[in-house]
Amino acid sequence: MKKCIIIDDEQHARESLSKMIQRFYSNRMEVCGLAESVKEGVELIHIHNPDVVFLDVEMPVENGLQLFNHFKESNFHVIFTTAYQQYAISAIKYAALDYILKPINHIELGEAIAKLEKKDRINKNTGRHIESLLHNLNMGSEDFTKIMLPVHDGFELVRIRNIVYCKAEGNYSNLYTVADEVIIVSKPLKYLLDLLPDKLFYRPHKSYLINLNYIKSISRNNGGEIYLENGSLIPVAKSQFKSLLERMQGGEQEQ
């Protein structure tokens, strides 16, 4: 039987989640307490020593992520309950943390609980994951500005606006920056597609992901080609040419 704490500033949200756990998963999880703030949550965690904390991200006074500032080393798992946009969800996924997108349904809750039950010990790298998450979300600004990329010897932080394009290389990806730097990412292109904001990046071809801000011109040659400001020539799949034009006609992209 797992013990949990629910931290959410919205009374309806925390009570609804508590009732859902009691109704569908009372034989697998016990709700030890409900908190409307990080401060209350910290007190409950010290009292009950839960296995998992369901944590809302956007809360007044202290943001949900500030919970970790109160613990030198966390000995509990975290499942985020969040209404964040998809780009932030990607950042949370990258940090190897569980999440449930609001509004919560009991099926997704069950999947999160099952994932929790498979973990026979607390991940000792939780602190590193949280640091990664904070980098990715860059709390306090509208969009996160950096991403942490897995490379062969660790991680590398890159500003999103400095990424010109990415190219698939089997199970890896080459990421090209404005400084003519090539970063070999230890993940396939699909990983970057999920991680980078889709309002800024576009996949004109199965092997390429480009930053729309760096398009210099678009040609119909060879079925479709993109010329980037750094001189690179990117092929456009026939099926993507029309949508590319529509995307570019939609207005300038934000950085």
Protein backbone atom coordinates (compact mmCIF):
# COMPACT_ATOMS: atom_id res chain seq x y z
CA MET A 1 0.00 0.00 0.00
CA LYS A 2 1.47 3.33 -1.11
CA LYS A 3 0.97 6.51 0.91
CA CYS A 4 0.35 9.82 -0.86
CA ILE A 5 -0.01 13.55 -0.23
CA ILE A 6 -1.94 15.84 -2.59
CA ILE A 7 -0.77 19.46 -2.97
CA ASP A 8 -3.02 21.75 -5.00
CA ASP A 9 -4.23 25.29 -4.32
CA GLU A 10 -7.66 24.49 -5.81
CA GLN A 11 -9.90 22.81 -3.26
CA HIS A 12 -12.03 21.11 -5.92
CA ALA A 13 -8.95 19.68 -7.66
CA ARG A 14 -7.37 18.15 -4.56
CA GLU A 15 -10.65 16.78 -3.20
CA SER A 16 -11.60 15.36 -6.60
CA LEU A 17 -8.26 13.56 -6.90
CA SER A 18 -8.55 12.25 -3.35
CA LYS A 19 -12.04 10.86 -4.00
CA MET A 20 -10.84 9.29 -7.28
CA ILE A 21 -8.04 7.48 -5.46
CA GLN A 22 -10.39 6.30 -2.73
CA ARG A 23 -12.98 5.10 -5.24
CA PHE A 24 -10.77 3.28 -7.74
CA TYR A 25 -7.47 2.54 -5.98
CA SER A 26 -8.16 2.34 -2.24
CA ASN A 27 -6.53 -1.12 -2.15
CA ARG A 28 -3.30 0.29 -3.62
CA MET A 29 -2.96 3.80 -2.27
CA GLU A 30 -3.82 5.69 0.92
CA VAL A 31 -4.35 9.47 0.92
CA CYS A 32 -2.60 10.76 4.05
CA GLY A 33 -3.31 14.44 3.61
CA LEU A 34 -4.38 17.34 1.41
CA ALA A 35 -2.50 20.64 1.23
CA GLU A 36 -3.40 23.91 -0.47
CA SER A 37 0.15 25.29 -0.49
CA VAL A 38 3.77 24.22 -0.64
CA LYS A 39 4.19 25.22 3.01
CA GLU A 40 1.35 22.95 4.14
CA GLY A 41 2.62 20.20 1.86
CA VAL A 42 6.09 20.29 3.42
CA GLU A 43 4.55 19.91 6.89
CA LEU A 44 2.46 16.92 5.77
CA ILE A 45 5.45 15.27 4.11
CA HIS A 46 7.48 15.50 7.34
CA ILE A 47 4.57 14.04 9.32
CA HIS A 48 3.50 11.19 7.01
CA ASN A 49 6.67 10.37 5.02
CA PRO A 50 4.65 9.54 1.86
CA ASP A 51 5.76 7.35 -1.01
CA VAL A 52 4.47 9.84 -3.56
CA VAL A 53 3.34 13.45 -3.74
CA PHE A 54 0.75 14.59 -6.28
CA LEU A 55 1.97 18.12 -6.96
CA ASP A 56 0.26 20.95 -8.81
CA VAL A 57 2.73 23.19 -10.66
CA GLU A 58 1.01 26.57 -10.83
CA MET A 59 0.19 27.82 -7.34
CA PRO A 60 0.31 31.24 -5.67
CA VAL A 61 2.94 32.30 -3.09
CA GLU A 62 5.24 29.37 -3.86
CA ASN A 63 5.28 27.61 -7.23
CA GLY A 64 4.88 23.85 -6.94
CA LEU A 65 8.44 23.27 -8.10
CA GLN A 66 9.69 25.21 -5.09
CA LEU A 67 8.69 22.25 -2.94
CA PHE A 68 12.12 20.78 -3.64
CA ASN A 69 13.84 23.80 -2.10
CA HIS A 70 12.66 22.53 1.29
CA PHE A 71 14.43 19.16 1.01
CA LYS A 72 18.16 18.53 0.71
CA GLU A 73 17.32 15.06 -0.60
CA SER A 74 13.79 13.95 -1.41
CA ASN A 75 12.83 10.41 -0.43
CA PHE A 76 9.50 10.46 -2.21
CA HIS A 77 8.34 10.22 -5.80
CA VAL A 78 6.47 13.06 -7.50
CA ILE A 79 3.57 12.91 -9.92
CA PHE A 80 2.83 16.33 -11.37
CA THR A 81 -0.80 17.28 -11.86
CA THR A 82 -0.56 20.06 -14.41
CA ALA A 83 -2.40 22.02 -17.07
CA TYR A 84 0.85 23.08 -18.78
CA GLN A 85 1.09 23.36 -22.54
CA GLN A 86 2.62 20.52 -24.54
CA TYR A 87 6.09 22.03 -24.72
CA ALA A 88 6.33 22.05 -20.94
CA ILE A 89 4.99 18.51 -20.75
CA SER A 90 7.89 17.51 -22.98
CA ALA A 91 10.28 19.15 -20.57
CA ILE A 92 8.74 17.28 -17.65
CA LYS A 93 8.95 13.99 -19.57
CA TYR A 94 12.59 14.69 -20.33
CA ALA A 95 13.31 15.11 -16.63
CA ALA A 96 12.09 11.50 -16.13
CA LEU A 97 9.22 12.53 -13.85
CA ASP A 98 5.65 11.30 -13.99
CA TYR A 99 2.78 13.66 -14.74
CA ILE A 100 -0.98 13.66 -15.24
CA LEU A 101 -2.49 16.31 -17.45
CA LYS A 102 -5.57 18.04 -16.04
CA PRO A 103 -8.45 17.33 -16.06
CA ILE A 104 -7.46 14.03 -14.47
CA ASN A 105 -9.25 10.81 -15.33
CA HIS A 106 -9.02 7.54 -13.40
CA ILE A 107 -7.42 5.61 -16.27
CA GLU A 108 -4.40 7.92 -16.50
CA LEU A 109 -4.23 7.99 -12.72
CA GLY A 110 -4.12 4.19 -12.70
CA GLU A 111 -1.30 4.18 -15.24
CA ALA A 112 0.70 6.59 -13.10
CA ILE A 113 0.15 4.47 -10.00
CA ALA A 114 1.21 1.34 -11.90
CA LYS A 115 4.38 3.06 -13.01
CA LEU A 116 5.06 4.05 -9.43
CA GLU A 117 4.55 0.49 -8.19
CA LYS A 118 7.16 -0.80 -10.64
CA LYS A 119 9.82 1.34 -9.00
CA ASP A 120 11.31 -0.69 -6.17
CA ARG A 121 13.43 2.19 -4.90
CA ILE A 122 13.62 5.98 -5.05
CA ASN A 123 15.64 7.29 -7.98
CA LYS A 124 18.80 8.68 -6.42
CA ASN A 125 19.11 11.13 -9.31
CA THR A 126 15.90 12.95 -8.37
CA GLY A 127 17.82 16.12 -7.58
CA ARG A 128 19.46 16.07 -11.00
CA HIS A 129 16.11 15.50 -12.67
CA ILE A 130 14.59 18.46 -10.86
CA GLU A 131 17.53 20.65 -11.83
CA SER A 132 17.01 19.56 -15.43
CA LEU A 133 13.30 20.31 -15.19
CA LEU A 134 13.93 23.78 -13.82
CA HIS A 135 16.35 24.49 -16.66
CA ASN A 136 13.82 23.27 -19.19
CA LEU A 137 10.86 25.18 -17.81
CA ASN A 138 12.86 28.26 -16.78
CA MET A 139 10.11 29.26 -14.38
CA GLY A 140 9.27 32.95 -14.35
CA SER A 141 9.28 33.46 -18.13
CA GLU A 142 6.58 32.71 -20.65
CA ASP A 143 8.62 30.05 -22.41
CA PHE A 144 11.61 28.05 -21.33
CA THR A 145 14.70 29.33 -23.13
CA LYS A 146 17.11 26.44 -22.74
CA ILE A 147 16.93 22.70 -23.12
CA MET A 148 19.19 20.04 -21.69
CA LEU A 149 20.33 17.58 -24.33
CA PRO A 150 21.72 14.10 -23.63
CA VAL A 151 25.13 13.61 -25.27
CA HIS A 152 27.64 10.77 -25.06
CA ASP A 153 29.37 12.04 -21.90
CA GLY A 154 26.49 13.73 -20.09
CA PHE A 155 24.26 16.67 -20.92
CA GLU A 156 24.62 19.93 -22.81
CA LEU A 157 22.48 23.02 -22.37
CA VAL A 158 21.49 24.92 -25.50
CA ARG A 159 19.39 28.03 -25.98
CA ILE A 160 16.39 27.18 -28.13
CA ARG A 161 16.70 30.32 -30.23
CA ASN A 162 20.26 29.29 -31.17
CA ILE A 163 19.15 26.01 -32.76
CA VAL A 164 19.07 26.34 -36.56
CA TYR A 165 18.05 22.81 -37.45
CA CYS A 166 18.32 19.14 -36.47
CA LYS A 167 19.07 16.15 -38.69
CA ALA A 168 18.32 12.49 -38.04
CA GLU A 169 21.28 10.14 -37.91
CA GLY A 170 19.83 6.72 -37.12
CA ASN A 171 19.25 6.48 -33.37
CA TYR A 172 21.06 9.78 -32.90
CA SER A 173 20.50 13.35 -34.10
CA ASN A 174 22.84 16.12 -35.20
CA LEU A 175 21.86 19.53 -33.88
CA TYR A 176 23.25 22.59 -35.68
CA THR A 177 23.54 25.96 -33.93
CA VAL A 178 24.00 29.57 -35.08
CA ALA A 179 27.65 29.31 -34.02
CA ASP A 180 28.19 26.54 -36.61
CA GLU A 181 28.50 24.05 -33.76
CA VAL A 182 27.29 20.48 -34.28
CA ILE A 183 25.98 18.67 -31.21
CA ILE A 184 25.49 14.93 -31.44
CA VAL A 185 22.37 14.15 -29.40
CA SER A 186 22.03 10.61 -28.06
CA LYS A 187 18.37 10.43 -29.06
CA PRO A 188 16.43 10.06 -32.35
CA LEU A 189 14.83 13.03 -34.08
CA LYS A 190 11.40 12.15 -32.67
CA TYR A 191 12.76 12.97 -29.22
CA LEU A 192 13.68 16.50 -30.31
CA LEU A 193 10.37 16.86 -32.10
CA ASP A 194 8.55 16.22 -28.81
CA LEU A 195 10.89 18.43 -26.80
CA LEU A 196 11.10 21.57 -28.93
CA PRO A 197 8.14 24.02 -29.16
CA ASP A 198 6.12 23.35 -32.30
CA LYS A 199 5.27 27.02 -32.70
CA LEU A 200 8.92 27.57 -33.57
CA PHE A 201 10.06 24.30 -35.17
CA TYR A 202 8.77 22.49 -38.24
CA ARG A 203 9.50 19.07 -39.76
CA PRO A 204 9.59 19.53 -43.57
CA HIS A 205 11.12 16.09 -44.13
CA LYS A 206 11.33 12.90 -42.07
CA SER A 207 15.04 13.50 -41.49
CA TYR A 208 14.95 17.21 -40.63
CA LEU A 209 13.55 19.56 -38.02
CA ILE A 210 14.11 23.27 -38.68
CA ASN A 211 13.78 26.55 -36.78
CA LEU A 212 11.37 28.62 -38.87
CA ASN A 213 13.16 31.84 -37.90
CA TYR A 214 16.21 30.84 -39.94
CA ILE A 215 14.50 30.22 -43.27
CA LYS A 216 15.98 32.47 -45.93
CA SER A 217 14.00 31.25 -48.93
CA ILE A 218 11.83 28.41 -50.18
CA SER A 219 12.22 26.91 -53.65
CA ARG A 220 10.12 24.52 -55.73
CA ASN A 221 13.29 22.93 -57.11
CA ASN A 222 13.51 19.15 -56.77
CA GLY A 223 10.01 19.01 -55.32
CA GLY A 224 10.77 21.59 -52.63
CA GLU A 225 13.86 22.97 -50.91
CA ILE A 226 14.54 25.31 -48.01
CA TYR A 227 17.55 27.60 -47.90
CA LEU A 228 18.57 28.51 -44.37
CA GLU A 229 20.46 31.63 -43.34
CA ASN A 230 23.58 29.60 -42.55
CA GLY A 231 23.71 28.32 -46.14
CA SER A 232 22.24 24.89 -45.46
CA LEU A 233 19.90 23.32 -48.01
CA ILE A 234 17.04 21.31 -46.53
CA PRO A 235 14.79 19.05 -48.65
CA VAL A 236 11.02 19.33 -48.34
CA ALA A 237 8.85 16.25 -48.68
CA LYS A 238 6.25 16.61 -51.43
CA SER A 239 3.46 16.08 -48.92
CA GLN A 240 4.80 18.88 -46.71
CA PHE A 241 5.36 21.67 -49.24
CA LYS A 242 1.84 23.12 -49.09
CA SER A 243 1.66 23.03 -45.29
CA LEU A 244 5.09 24.70 -45.10
CA LEU A 245 3.89 27.60 -47.24
CA GLU A 246 0.72 27.91 -45.15
CA ARG A 247 2.77 27.86 -41.98
CA MET A 248 5.08 30.63 -43.17
CA GLN A 249 2.19 32.75 -44.39
CA GLY A 250 0.70 32.58 -40.92
CA GLY A 251 3.02 35.30 -39.66
CA GLU A 252 6.43 35.72 -38.09
CA GLN A 253 7.56 33.19 -35.52
CA GLU A 254 8.31 34.16 -31.94
CA GLN A 255 11.73 33.67 -30.42
